[in-house]
N, C-alpha and C. Protein backbone atom coordinates (compact mmCIF):
# COMPACT_ATOMS: atom_id res chain seq x y z
N MET A 1 0.77 -1.18 -0.30
CA MET A 1 0.18 -0.16 0.03
C MET A 1 0.80 1.18 -0.17
N LYS A 2 2.11 1.22 1.00
CA LYS A 2 2.96 2.27 0.97
C LYS A 2 3.36 2.49 -0.41
N LYS A 3 3.73 1.64 -1.09
CA LYS A 3 4.58 1.69 -2.46
C LYS A 3 3.40 2.15 -3.56
N LYS A 4 2.08 1.84 -3.45
CA LYS A 4 1.21 2.12 -4.23
C LYS A 4 1.25 3.72 -4.06
N ARG A 5 1.19 4.09 -2.89
CA ARG A 5 0.94 5.56 -2.70
C ARG A 5 2.05 6.17 -3.07
N THR A 6 3.30 5.92 -3.08
CA THR A 6 4.83 6.47 -3.52
C THR A 6 4.44 6.78 -5.01
N ILE A 7 4.08 5.90 -5.57
CA ILE A 7 3.90 5.60 -7.21
C ILE A 7 2.76 6.73 -7.62
N ILE A 8 1.73 6.81 -7.17
CA ILE A 8 0.74 7.74 -7.15
C ILE A 8 1.22 9.27 -6.96
N PHE A 9 1.91 9.70 -5.84
CA PHE A 9 2.70 10.91 -5.50
C PHE A 9 3.34 11.14 -6.50
N LEU A 10 4.56 10.07 -6.93
CA LEU A 10 5.39 10.81 -8.39
C LEU A 10 4.39 10.72 -9.53
N CYS A 11 3.74 10.07 -9.73
CA CYS A 11 2.86 10.21 -10.85
C CYS A 11 2.02 11.85 -11.09
N ILE A 12 1.64 12.38 -9.72
CA ILE A 12 1.04 13.81 -9.60
C ILE A 12 2.16 14.75 -9.79
N ILE A 13 3.17 14.40 -9.06
CA ILE A 13 4.33 15.43 -9.27
C ILE A 13 4.79 15.45 -10.85
N LEU A 14 4.85 14.51 -11.54
CA LEU A 14 5.34 14.41 -13.01
C LEU A 14 4.33 15.32 -13.79
N LEU A 15 2.91 15.06 -13.43
CA LEU A 15 1.79 15.67 -14.07
C LEU A 15 1.91 17.24 -13.75
N LEU A 16 2.07 17.42 -12.52
CA LEU A 16 2.24 18.90 -12.60
C LEU A 16 3.34 19.44 -13.11
N ALA A 17 4.56 18.87 -12.98
CA ALA A 17 5.73 19.09 -13.66
C ALA A 17 5.48 19.39 -15.32
N ALA A 18 4.72 18.13 -16.00
CA ALA A 18 4.71 18.49 -17.39
C ALA A 18 3.68 19.65 -17.61
N ALA A 19 2.51 20.00 -16.82
CA ALA A 19 1.83 21.22 -16.71
C ALA A 19 2.58 22.26 -16.97
N PHE A 20 3.68 22.57 -15.89
CA PHE A 20 4.10 23.62 -15.79
C PHE A 20 5.03 24.17 -16.69
N CYS A 21 5.68 23.00 -17.55
CA CYS A 21 6.47 23.04 -18.70
C CYS A 21 5.72 23.43 -19.78
N LEU A 22 4.61 22.77 -20.17
CA LEU A 22 3.55 23.24 -21.00
C LEU A 22 3.17 24.67 -21.05
N THR A 23 2.41 25.31 -19.72
CA THR A 23 2.35 26.60 -19.60
C THR A 23 3.41 27.47 -19.92
N ALA A 24 4.68 27.19 -19.53
CA ALA A 24 5.81 27.87 -19.63
C ALA A 24 6.41 28.18 -21.23
N PHE A 25 6.25 26.91 -22.15
CA PHE A 25 6.33 26.93 -23.30
C PHE A 25 5.39 27.77 -23.95
N ARG A 26 3.95 27.77 -23.37
CA ARG A 26 3.03 28.37 -24.09
C ARG A 26 2.86 29.70 -24.30
N VAL A 27 3.24 30.37 -23.02
CA VAL A 27 3.74 32.16 -22.96
C VAL A 27 4.78 32.58 -23.19
N ARG A 28 6.18 31.54 -23.59
CA ARG A 28 7.21 31.97 -24.01
C ARG A 28 7.31 32.97 -25.14
N GLY A 29 7.67 34.13 -25.05
CA GLY A 29 7.73 35.37 -25.99
C GLY A 29 6.71 36.22 -25.95
N SER A 30 5.96 35.95 -25.00
CA SER A 30 4.71 37.31 -24.63
C SER A 30 5.13 38.08 -23.37
N VAL A 31 4.25 38.79 -23.39
CA VAL A 31 4.46 39.92 -22.22
C VAL A 31 3.17 40.21 -21.60
N SER A 32 3.03 40.66 -20.29
CA SER A 32 1.70 40.56 -19.75
C SER A 32 1.44 42.26 -19.73
N VAL A 33 0.23 42.74 -20.15
CA VAL A 33 0.26 44.11 -20.44
C VAL A 33 -0.85 44.45 -19.47
N LYS A 34 -0.88 45.78 -18.95
CA LYS A 34 -2.08 46.14 -18.28
C LYS A 34 -2.33 47.45 -18.69
N GLY A 35 -3.49 48.35 -18.88
CA GLY A 35 -3.59 49.56 -19.26
C GLY A 35 -3.33 50.47 -18.35
N GLU A 36 -3.40 51.71 -18.32
CA GLU A 36 -3.32 52.75 -17.55
C GLU A 36 -4.25 53.80 -17.74
N GLY A 37 -5.47 53.92 -16.80
CA GLY A 37 -6.35 55.20 -17.22
C GLY A 37 -7.09 54.58 -17.86
N SER A 38 -8.11 55.39 -18.56
CA SER A 38 -9.11 55.03 -19.75
C SER A 38 -9.01 55.85 -20.96
N THR A 39 -9.57 55.50 -21.92
CA THR A 39 -9.41 56.30 -23.15
C THR A 39 -10.93 56.26 -23.89
N GLN A 40 -11.25 57.31 -24.54
CA GLN A 40 -12.45 57.32 -25.18
C GLN A 40 -12.32 57.05 -26.53
N SER A 41 -13.35 56.12 -27.12
CA SER A 41 -13.30 55.68 -28.48
C SER A 41 -14.96 55.63 -29.12
N PRO A 42 -14.66 55.59 -30.35
CA PRO A 42 -15.94 55.63 -31.37
C PRO A 42 -16.55 54.67 -31.00
N ASP A 43 -17.78 54.37 -31.37
CA ASP A 43 -18.55 52.82 -31.24
C ASP A 43 -17.56 52.09 -31.88
N PRO A 44 -17.36 50.88 -31.15
CA PRO A 44 -16.48 49.99 -31.88
C PRO A 44 -17.45 49.26 -33.28
N VAL A 45 -16.68 48.89 -34.06
CA VAL A 45 -16.88 47.89 -35.30
C VAL A 45 -16.51 46.37 -35.07
N PHE A 46 -17.77 45.43 -35.08
CA PHE A 46 -17.65 44.38 -35.08
C PHE A 46 -17.97 43.29 -36.31
N PHE A 47 -16.75 42.46 -36.39
CA PHE A 47 -16.84 42.03 -37.48
C PHE A 47 -16.55 40.38 -37.11
N SER A 48 -17.46 39.63 -37.34
CA SER A 48 -16.97 38.18 -37.21
C SER A 48 -16.33 37.47 -38.44
N GLN A 49 -15.43 36.51 -38.07
CA GLN A 49 -15.16 35.73 -39.19
C GLN A 49 -15.62 34.78 -39.91
N LYS A 50 -16.83 34.24 -38.58
CA LYS A 50 -17.87 33.10 -38.85
C LYS A 50 -19.04 33.81 -39.67
N ASP A 51 -19.17 34.88 -39.96
CA ASP A 51 -20.04 35.49 -40.97
C ASP A 51 -20.61 34.60 -41.70
N PRO A 52 -22.03 34.26 -42.31
CA PRO A 52 -22.06 33.29 -43.34
C PRO A 52 -21.58 34.30 -44.44
N PHE A 53 -21.69 35.57 -44.80
CA PHE A 53 -21.61 36.04 -45.97
C PHE A 53 -20.33 36.08 -46.52
N TRP A 54 -19.40 35.59 -45.78
CA TRP A 54 -17.86 35.46 -46.33
C TRP A 54 -17.33 34.05 -45.21
N ALA A 55 -17.98 33.41 -44.56
CA ALA A 55 -17.07 32.34 -43.65
C ALA A 55 -16.15 31.40 -44.78
N GLY A 56 -16.74 31.07 -45.65
CA GLY A 56 -16.60 30.20 -46.87
C GLY A 56 -15.41 30.67 -47.70
N ASP A 57 -15.31 31.95 -47.77
CA ASP A 57 -14.12 32.31 -48.72
C ASP A 57 -12.76 32.08 -48.17
N LEU A 58 -12.24 31.60 -49.53
CA LEU A 58 -10.78 31.33 -49.29
C LEU A 58 -10.09 32.60 -49.22
N LEU A 59 -8.76 32.23 -48.49
CA LEU A 59 -7.77 33.71 -48.53
C LEU A 59 -6.70 33.30 -49.39
N GLY A 60 -6.89 34.14 -50.33
CA GLY A 60 -6.21 33.82 -51.70
C GLY A 60 -6.08 32.55 -52.20
N ASP A 61 -4.92 32.10 -52.59
CA ASP A 61 -5.00 30.64 -53.10
C ASP A 61 -4.77 30.05 -52.10
N SER A 62 -5.13 29.92 -51.05
CA SER A 62 -4.53 29.02 -49.98
C SER A 62 -5.71 28.07 -49.70
N SER A 63 -5.76 27.10 -48.83
CA SER A 63 -6.78 26.49 -48.61
C SER A 63 -7.76 26.48 -47.28
N PHE A 64 -7.03 27.48 -46.74
CA PHE A 64 -7.96 28.28 -45.70
C PHE A 64 -8.90 29.33 -46.13
N THR A 65 -9.73 29.25 -45.06
CA THR A 65 -11.34 30.01 -45.24
C THR A 65 -11.10 31.11 -44.09
N MET A 66 -11.93 32.34 -44.12
CA MET A 66 -12.26 33.16 -43.45
C MET A 66 -12.97 32.37 -42.25
N GLU A 67 -13.39 31.45 -42.14
CA GLU A 67 -14.36 31.27 -41.02
C GLU A 67 -12.79 30.42 -39.97
N THR A 68 -12.06 29.87 -40.88
CA THR A 68 -10.97 29.00 -39.89
C THR A 68 -10.00 29.97 -39.42
N SER A 69 -9.56 30.99 -40.54
CA SER A 69 -8.13 31.43 -40.15
C SER A 69 -8.33 33.04 -40.63
N GLY A 70 -9.68 33.44 -40.31
CA GLY A 70 -9.66 35.02 -41.09
C GLY A 70 -9.57 36.06 -40.25
N CYS A 71 -9.34 35.72 -38.89
CA CYS A 71 -9.03 36.87 -37.58
C CYS A 71 -8.68 37.76 -38.08
N LEU A 72 -7.37 37.70 -38.52
CA LEU A 72 -6.50 38.90 -38.58
C LEU A 72 -7.19 39.86 -39.79
N THR A 73 -7.63 39.39 -40.91
CA THR A 73 -8.39 40.03 -41.94
C THR A 73 -9.66 40.99 -41.58
N ALA A 74 -10.61 39.99 -40.47
CA ALA A 74 -11.46 40.71 -39.75
C ALA A 74 -11.06 41.93 -39.02
N CYS A 75 -10.00 41.73 -38.08
CA CYS A 75 -9.51 42.63 -37.38
C CYS A 75 -9.04 43.98 -38.25
N LEU A 76 -7.92 44.09 -39.22
CA LEU A 76 -7.89 44.98 -40.25
C LEU A 76 -8.91 45.58 -40.71
N ALA A 77 -10.16 44.83 -41.33
CA ALA A 77 -11.21 45.54 -41.83
C ALA A 77 -11.90 46.54 -40.42
N ALA A 78 -11.82 45.88 -39.33
CA ALA A 78 -12.71 47.08 -38.39
C ALA A 78 -11.57 47.92 -37.93
N GLU A 79 -10.43 47.85 -38.02
CA GLU A 79 -9.33 48.79 -37.88
C GLU A 79 -9.67 50.19 -38.89
N LEU A 80 -9.78 49.54 -40.33
CA LEU A 80 -9.71 50.53 -41.09
C LEU A 80 -10.78 51.62 -41.11
N HIS A 81 -12.17 50.54 -40.77
CA HIS A 81 -13.33 51.30 -40.27
C HIS A 81 -13.39 52.24 -39.50
N MET A 82 -12.79 51.66 -38.52
CA MET A 82 -12.71 52.61 -37.00
C MET A 82 -11.88 54.15 -37.48
N GLN A 83 -10.74 53.78 -38.13
CA GLN A 83 -9.90 54.77 -38.54
C GLN A 83 -10.08 55.58 -39.39
N ASP A 84 -11.27 55.40 -40.08
CA ASP A 84 -12.02 56.11 -41.30
C ASP A 84 -10.71 56.06 -42.31
N ILE A 85 -10.11 55.02 -42.55
CA ILE A 85 -9.10 54.77 -43.67
C ILE A 85 -10.05 54.36 -44.89
N SER A 86 -10.17 55.13 -45.82
CA SER A 86 -10.93 54.32 -47.23
C SER A 86 -10.17 53.90 -48.13
N ILE A 87 -10.41 53.04 -48.89
CA ILE A 87 -9.63 52.34 -50.04
C ILE A 87 -10.46 52.56 -51.47
N PRO A 88 -9.92 53.38 -52.24
CA PRO A 88 -10.91 53.50 -53.36
C PRO A 88 -11.63 52.25 -54.06
N GLU A 89 -10.56 50.85 -54.39
CA GLU A 89 -11.30 50.01 -54.64
C GLU A 89 -12.29 48.96 -54.14
N ILE A 90 -12.40 49.27 -52.98
CA ILE A 90 -13.51 49.27 -52.06
C ILE A 90 -14.52 49.74 -51.59
N ASN A 91 -15.78 49.22 -52.18
CA ASN A 91 -16.99 50.02 -51.74
C ASN A 91 -17.44 49.93 -50.40
N ALA A 92 -17.61 48.65 -49.92
CA ALA A 92 -17.93 48.21 -48.49
C ALA A 92 -16.70 47.51 -47.88
N MET A 93 -16.61 48.36 -46.73
CA MET A 93 -15.34 47.80 -45.64
C MET A 93 -15.79 46.80 -45.02
N ASP A 94 -15.73 45.53 -45.26
CA ASP A 94 -16.04 44.54 -44.56
C ASP A 94 -15.25 43.27 -44.88
N PRO A 95 -15.04 42.22 -43.82
CA PRO A 95 -14.17 41.39 -44.19
C PRO A 95 -14.08 40.52 -45.30
N GLY A 96 -15.18 40.46 -45.83
CA GLY A 96 -15.48 39.67 -47.19
C GLY A 96 -14.79 40.78 -48.44
N THR A 97 -15.21 41.99 -48.55
CA THR A 97 -14.58 42.60 -49.57
C THR A 97 -13.07 42.91 -49.47
N LEU A 98 -12.55 42.81 -47.90
CA LEU A 98 -11.26 43.31 -47.96
C LEU A 98 -10.57 42.10 -48.09
N ASN A 99 -10.99 40.86 -47.85
CA ASN A 99 -10.53 39.43 -48.25
C ASN A 99 -10.27 39.48 -49.91
N SER A 100 -11.45 39.87 -50.65
CA SER A 100 -11.19 39.96 -51.75
C SER A 100 -10.21 40.38 -52.56
N PHE A 101 -10.42 41.77 -51.98
CA PHE A 101 -9.19 42.91 -52.35
C PHE A 101 -7.83 42.47 -51.99
N PHE A 102 -7.69 41.50 -50.65
CA PHE A 102 -6.27 41.15 -50.43
C PHE A 102 -5.67 40.07 -51.36
N SER A 103 -6.63 39.31 -51.85
CA SER A 103 -6.18 37.99 -52.80
C SER A 103 -6.13 38.26 -53.86
N GLY A 104 -6.98 39.56 -54.60
CA GLY A 104 -6.54 40.04 -56.03
C GLY A 104 -5.02 40.91 -56.04
N LYS A 105 -4.64 41.33 -54.75
CA LYS A 105 -3.18 41.98 -54.47
C LYS A 105 -2.28 41.15 -54.19
N GLN A 106 -2.48 39.85 -54.14
CA GLN A 106 -1.24 39.03 -53.65
C GLN A 106 -0.76 39.08 -52.50
N VAL A 107 -2.04 39.60 -51.47
CA VAL A 107 -1.52 39.91 -49.87
C VAL A 107 -0.90 38.80 -49.36
N TYR A 108 -1.81 37.60 -49.50
CA TYR A 108 -1.60 36.52 -48.93
C TYR A 108 -0.46 35.38 -49.84
N ASP A 109 -0.04 34.35 -48.98
CA ASP A 109 1.07 33.90 -49.18
C ASP A 109 0.23 32.30 -49.43
N ARG A 110 0.93 31.57 -49.77
CA ARG A 110 0.25 29.74 -50.19
C ARG A 110 -0.43 29.58 -48.80
N GLU A 111 0.02 30.05 -47.78
CA GLU A 111 -0.56 29.17 -46.41
C GLU A 111 -1.69 30.16 -45.94
N GLY A 112 -1.92 31.36 -46.83
CA GLY A 112 -3.40 32.12 -46.17
C GLY A 112 -2.79 33.09 -45.14
N ASN A 113 -1.57 33.37 -45.07
CA ASN A 113 -0.84 34.28 -44.14
C ASN A 113 -0.63 35.64 -44.62
N ILE A 114 -0.94 36.91 -44.15
CA ILE A 114 -0.70 38.02 -44.62
C ILE A 114 0.66 38.05 -44.73
N GLN A 115 1.22 39.16 -46.02
CA GLN A 115 2.33 39.72 -46.16
C GLN A 115 2.23 41.01 -45.92
N TRP A 116 3.15 41.38 -44.86
CA TRP A 116 2.73 42.85 -44.49
C TRP A 116 3.52 43.72 -45.74
N ASP A 117 4.41 43.61 -46.22
CA ASP A 117 4.93 44.89 -47.24
C ASP A 117 3.76 44.80 -48.13
N PRO A 118 3.27 43.90 -49.02
CA PRO A 118 2.31 43.74 -49.93
C PRO A 118 1.06 44.38 -49.31
N LEU A 119 0.79 44.39 -48.28
CA LEU A 119 -0.56 45.05 -47.59
C LEU A 119 -0.39 46.01 -47.27
N SER A 120 0.93 46.76 -46.75
CA SER A 120 1.12 48.31 -46.97
C SER A 120 1.03 49.16 -48.22
N SER A 121 1.76 48.23 -49.03
CA SER A 121 1.70 48.99 -50.45
C SER A 121 0.06 48.78 -50.89
N ALA A 122 -0.71 47.56 -50.83
CA ALA A 122 -2.00 47.84 -51.42
C ALA A 122 -2.97 48.80 -50.97
N LEU A 123 -2.78 48.89 -49.74
CA LEU A 123 -3.52 49.91 -48.88
C LEU A 123 -3.35 51.38 -48.95
N ASN A 124 -1.97 51.52 -49.04
CA ASN A 124 -1.20 52.95 -49.08
C ASN A 124 -1.54 53.41 -47.45
N VAL A 125 -0.84 52.60 -46.86
CA VAL A 125 -0.81 53.01 -45.15
C VAL A 125 0.33 52.69 -44.90
N SER A 126 1.20 53.29 -43.61
CA SER A 126 2.16 52.97 -42.92
C SER A 126 1.72 52.08 -42.00
N LEU A 127 2.52 50.96 -41.79
CA LEU A 127 2.34 49.67 -40.87
C LEU A 127 3.54 49.97 -40.02
N GLU A 128 3.13 49.40 -39.00
CA GLU A 128 4.05 48.97 -38.00
C GLU A 128 3.98 47.60 -37.15
N ARG A 129 5.10 47.02 -37.40
CA ARG A 129 4.96 45.53 -36.83
C ARG A 129 5.99 45.39 -35.64
N ILE A 130 5.43 45.11 -34.43
CA ILE A 130 6.49 45.03 -33.14
C ILE A 130 6.29 43.53 -32.52
N ASN A 131 7.44 43.06 -32.66
CA ASN A 131 7.62 41.76 -32.06
C ASN A 131 8.64 41.91 -31.15
N GLY A 132 9.01 40.56 -30.25
CA GLY A 132 9.73 40.62 -29.25
C GLY A 132 9.53 41.50 -27.92
N ILE A 133 9.73 40.69 -27.13
CA ILE A 133 9.54 41.38 -25.61
C ILE A 133 9.93 42.64 -24.92
N SER A 134 10.98 42.94 -25.63
CA SER A 134 11.44 44.35 -25.25
C SER A 134 10.60 45.24 -26.11
N ALA A 135 10.54 45.15 -27.53
CA ALA A 135 9.77 46.15 -28.26
C ALA A 135 8.41 46.57 -27.84
N MET A 136 7.68 45.14 -27.46
CA MET A 136 6.19 45.14 -26.96
C MET A 136 6.43 45.86 -25.67
N ARG A 137 7.62 45.85 -24.61
CA ARG A 137 7.12 46.78 -23.66
C ARG A 137 7.12 48.01 -23.41
N LYS A 138 7.94 48.37 -24.69
CA LYS A 138 8.07 49.89 -25.11
C LYS A 138 7.03 50.46 -25.78
N THR A 139 6.32 49.84 -26.08
CA THR A 139 5.18 50.17 -26.69
C THR A 139 3.70 50.63 -25.93
N ASP A 140 3.32 51.75 -26.08
CA ASP A 140 2.37 52.22 -25.14
C ASP A 140 0.94 52.27 -25.95
N LEU A 141 0.32 51.18 -25.49
CA LEU A 141 -0.68 51.02 -26.19
C LEU A 141 -2.12 51.79 -25.98
N THR A 142 -2.24 52.08 -24.68
CA THR A 142 -3.01 53.31 -24.29
C THR A 142 -2.63 54.20 -24.82
N ALA A 143 -1.44 54.85 -25.27
CA ALA A 143 -1.40 56.37 -25.76
C ALA A 143 -1.56 56.04 -27.64
N LEU A 144 -1.50 54.82 -28.03
CA LEU A 144 -1.96 54.87 -29.47
C LEU A 144 -3.54 54.72 -29.44
N LEU A 145 -4.43 54.29 -28.77
CA LEU A 145 -5.78 54.04 -28.51
C LEU A 145 -6.54 55.82 -28.47
N SER A 146 -5.56 56.71 -27.59
CA SER A 146 -5.82 57.89 -27.16
C SER A 146 -5.39 58.78 -28.49
N GLU A 147 -4.76 58.34 -29.17
CA GLU A 147 -4.47 59.02 -30.54
C GLU A 147 -5.30 58.50 -31.63
N GLY A 148 -6.46 57.62 -31.33
CA GLY A 148 -7.38 56.82 -32.60
C GLY A 148 -6.73 56.02 -33.06
N ILE A 149 -5.36 54.97 -32.62
CA ILE A 149 -5.04 54.22 -33.64
C ILE A 149 -5.28 52.85 -32.67
N TYR A 150 -6.05 52.13 -33.34
CA TYR A 150 -6.31 50.62 -32.62
C TYR A 150 -5.42 49.63 -33.12
N PRO A 151 -4.49 48.99 -32.06
CA PRO A 151 -3.51 48.23 -32.46
C PRO A 151 -4.36 46.71 -32.39
N ILE A 152 -3.71 45.80 -33.20
CA ILE A 152 -4.20 44.44 -33.65
C ILE A 152 -3.41 43.93 -32.71
N VAL A 153 -3.76 42.72 -31.84
CA VAL A 153 -2.57 41.90 -30.97
C VAL A 153 -2.82 40.65 -30.98
N ARG A 154 -1.68 39.83 -31.11
CA ARG A 154 -1.87 38.66 -31.19
C ARG A 154 -1.72 37.68 -29.78
N VAL A 155 -2.88 36.99 -29.77
CA VAL A 155 -2.99 36.43 -28.39
C VAL A 155 -2.78 34.90 -28.23
N ARG A 156 -3.17 34.12 -27.33
CA ARG A 156 -3.75 32.93 -27.42
C ARG A 156 -5.10 32.60 -27.10
N VAL A 157 -5.82 31.77 -27.65
CA VAL A 157 -7.19 31.62 -27.30
C VAL A 157 -7.43 30.96 -25.70
N LYS A 158 -7.78 31.39 -24.82
CA LYS A 158 -8.10 31.30 -23.76
C LYS A 158 -6.80 31.51 -22.89
N GLY A 159 -5.93 32.09 -23.19
CA GLY A 159 -4.79 32.34 -22.78
C GLY A 159 -3.47 31.21 -23.23
N LEU A 160 -3.97 30.07 -23.50
CA LEU A 160 -2.83 28.86 -23.64
C LEU A 160 -3.29 28.03 -24.75
N GLY A 161 -4.30 28.39 -25.73
CA GLY A 161 -4.53 27.83 -26.93
C GLY A 161 -3.93 28.22 -28.21
N ASN A 162 -4.46 28.19 -29.53
CA ASN A 162 -3.84 28.37 -30.71
C ASN A 162 -3.86 30.02 -30.54
N PHE A 163 -2.98 30.16 -31.53
CA PHE A 163 -2.71 32.22 -31.96
C PHE A 163 -4.15 32.30 -32.52
N HIS A 164 -4.22 33.79 -32.18
CA HIS A 164 -5.68 34.33 -32.66
C HIS A 164 -5.14 35.82 -32.40
N TYR A 165 -5.85 36.50 -33.54
CA TYR A 165 -5.53 37.79 -33.38
C TYR A 165 -6.88 38.65 -32.97
N VAL A 166 -6.92 39.92 -32.07
CA VAL A 166 -7.88 40.70 -31.78
C VAL A 166 -7.71 42.00 -31.99
N LEU A 167 -8.57 42.96 -31.90
CA LEU A 167 -8.42 44.41 -32.17
C LEU A 167 -8.84 45.05 -30.89
N LEU A 168 -7.88 45.85 -30.09
CA LEU A 168 -7.89 46.93 -29.04
C LEU A 168 -8.72 47.94 -29.18
N VAL A 169 -9.41 48.17 -28.78
CA VAL A 169 -10.51 49.47 -28.99
C VAL A 169 -10.69 50.37 -28.04
N LYS A 170 -10.47 49.88 -26.53
CA LYS A 170 -10.30 50.79 -25.54
C LYS A 170 -9.57 50.28 -24.46
N CYS A 171 -9.36 51.38 -23.48
CA CYS A 171 -8.97 50.93 -22.17
C CYS A 171 -9.71 51.65 -21.24
N GLN A 172 -10.12 50.98 -20.37
CA GLN A 172 -11.08 51.41 -19.12
C GLN A 172 -10.73 50.94 -17.94
N ASP A 173 -10.39 51.66 -17.09
CA ASP A 173 -9.94 51.72 -15.43
C ASP A 173 -8.92 50.29 -15.61
N GLY A 174 -7.93 50.42 -16.36
CA GLY A 174 -6.74 49.76 -16.48
C GLY A 174 -7.03 48.24 -17.03
N GLN A 175 -8.32 48.25 -17.75
CA GLN A 175 -8.39 47.03 -18.53
C GLN A 175 -8.55 47.43 -20.19
N PHE A 176 -8.03 46.36 -20.50
CA PHE A 176 -8.12 46.42 -22.28
C PHE A 176 -9.41 45.87 -22.72
N TRP A 177 -10.04 46.15 -23.80
CA TRP A 177 -11.02 45.60 -24.22
C TRP A 177 -11.03 45.60 -25.73
N CYS A 178 -11.51 44.48 -26.27
CA CYS A 178 -10.94 44.09 -27.48
C CYS A 178 -12.17 43.75 -28.37
N MET A 179 -12.09 43.78 -29.82
CA MET A 179 -13.15 43.23 -30.69
C MET A 179 -12.32 41.61 -30.96
N ASP A 180 -13.31 40.69 -30.92
CA ASP A 180 -12.82 39.36 -30.95
C ASP A 180 -13.46 39.02 -31.92
N PRO A 181 -12.86 38.19 -33.29
CA PRO A 181 -13.76 38.17 -34.55
C PRO A 181 -13.99 36.37 -34.00
N LEU A 182 -13.76 35.65 -33.21
CA LEU A 182 -14.28 34.65 -32.77
C LEU A 182 -15.67 34.78 -31.85
N HIS A 183 -15.95 35.77 -31.28
CA HIS A 183 -16.76 36.09 -30.22
C HIS A 183 -18.23 36.31 -31.00
N ALA A 184 -19.19 35.11 -30.63
CA ALA A 184 -20.46 35.54 -31.17
C ALA A 184 -21.30 36.31 -31.20
N GLU A 185 -20.87 36.96 -30.26
CA GLU A 185 -22.11 38.43 -29.85
C GLU A 185 -21.31 39.73 -30.10
N GLU A 186 -21.97 40.82 -30.33
CA GLU A 186 -21.75 41.91 -30.53
C GLU A 186 -21.29 42.65 -29.57
N GLU A 187 -20.10 42.28 -28.67
CA GLU A 187 -19.78 42.74 -27.44
C GLU A 187 -18.48 43.02 -27.50
N LEU A 188 -17.77 43.64 -26.61
CA LEU A 188 -16.37 43.63 -26.11
C LEU A 188 -15.93 42.83 -25.53
N VAL A 189 -14.69 42.19 -25.49
CA VAL A 189 -14.11 41.03 -24.77
C VAL A 189 -12.69 41.69 -24.25
N PRO A 190 -12.74 41.60 -22.70
CA PRO A 190 -11.68 41.77 -21.83
C PRO A 190 -10.74 41.08 -22.52
N LEU A 191 -9.45 41.86 -22.53
CA LEU A 191 -7.97 41.33 -22.63
C LEU A 191 -7.95 40.03 -21.86
N SER A 192 -8.44 40.35 -20.32
CA SER A 192 -8.07 39.25 -19.36
C SER A 192 -8.53 38.06 -19.71
N ALA A 193 -9.30 37.92 -21.24
CA ALA A 193 -10.12 36.85 -21.34
C ALA A 193 -8.75 35.77 -21.78
N PHE A 194 -7.59 36.33 -22.37
CA PHE A 194 -6.81 35.81 -22.89
C PHE A 194 -5.41 35.96 -22.11
N GLY A 195 -5.53 36.11 -20.69
CA GLY A 195 -4.55 36.30 -19.87
C GLY A 195 -4.01 37.44 -19.91
N ASN A 196 -4.20 38.59 -20.65
CA ASN A 196 -3.55 39.74 -20.62
C ASN A 196 -2.46 39.57 -21.07
N ARG A 197 -2.19 38.36 -22.12
CA ARG A 197 -0.68 38.22 -22.50
C ARG A 197 -0.72 38.86 -24.14
N ILE A 198 0.28 39.09 -24.66
CA ILE A 198 0.03 39.53 -26.21
C ILE A 198 1.78 39.03 -26.65
N TYR A 199 1.59 38.46 -27.86
CA TYR A 199 2.79 37.76 -28.68
C TYR A 199 3.37 38.82 -29.54
N ALA A 200 2.66 39.80 -30.25
CA ALA A 200 2.80 40.59 -31.25
C ALA A 200 1.94 41.78 -31.07
N ILE A 201 2.49 42.79 -31.66
CA ILE A 201 1.45 44.18 -32.29
C ILE A 201 1.64 44.64 -33.36
N ARG A 202 0.48 44.83 -33.89
CA ARG A 202 0.43 45.32 -35.37
C ARG A 202 -0.58 46.44 -35.34
N TYR A 203 -0.11 47.41 -36.12
CA TYR A 203 -1.32 48.63 -36.46
C TYR A 203 -0.68 49.60 -37.37
N LEU A 204 -1.45 50.09 -38.14
CA LEU A 204 -1.54 50.83 -39.28
C LEU A 204 -1.97 52.28 -39.29
N TYR A 205 -1.82 53.08 -39.89
CA TYR A 205 -2.31 54.57 -40.03
C TYR A 205 -1.95 55.31 -41.45
N ARG A 206 -2.63 56.45 -41.64
CA ARG A 206 -2.38 56.92 -42.89
C ARG A 206 -1.89 58.45 -42.61
N PRO A 207 -0.66 58.57 -42.71
CA PRO A 207 -0.22 60.03 -42.27
C PRO A 207 -0.91 61.09 -43.09
């Protein structure tokens, strides 16, 4: 009986150690962020990557669809809309039309990933790509929101799941709130739903 308890105890220790290592691996390369103060922002724009109007549309020549992999395109459509950046070739700024525009301009690679230099050229905007822990810590997300610039941040679903993109739209009482293309309802989601951890920052603007 004593030997059995020892084995069970060792198994529990091993499981806890494995869980700790997995968590450490999943959050590697991320920073924990917390807003300061509050910002005012216009009414947020909500776009779902699962909207039936464009859910089945392919991302360029890839086999991936808006429903499965279109979170970044949905965030970009909302960001352009909220920052009042118009594109002459696009009549209605929504994820479906933006995806078609990107596909025609070869913005996606063969895996459906957005290529940032072609995107910047196609939209005629300035683009900031912030990677790395040091650079992300130096980026004042609250200040960007105060300037009317809405950053897109890479997160993990439920804090430890697959990578995902959401659009930050405001800071209130020290909490960032975002438009999540996977969220079923038209309501903002706190960044705390993703553990307040980000893995990259993207934002665009027109000087």
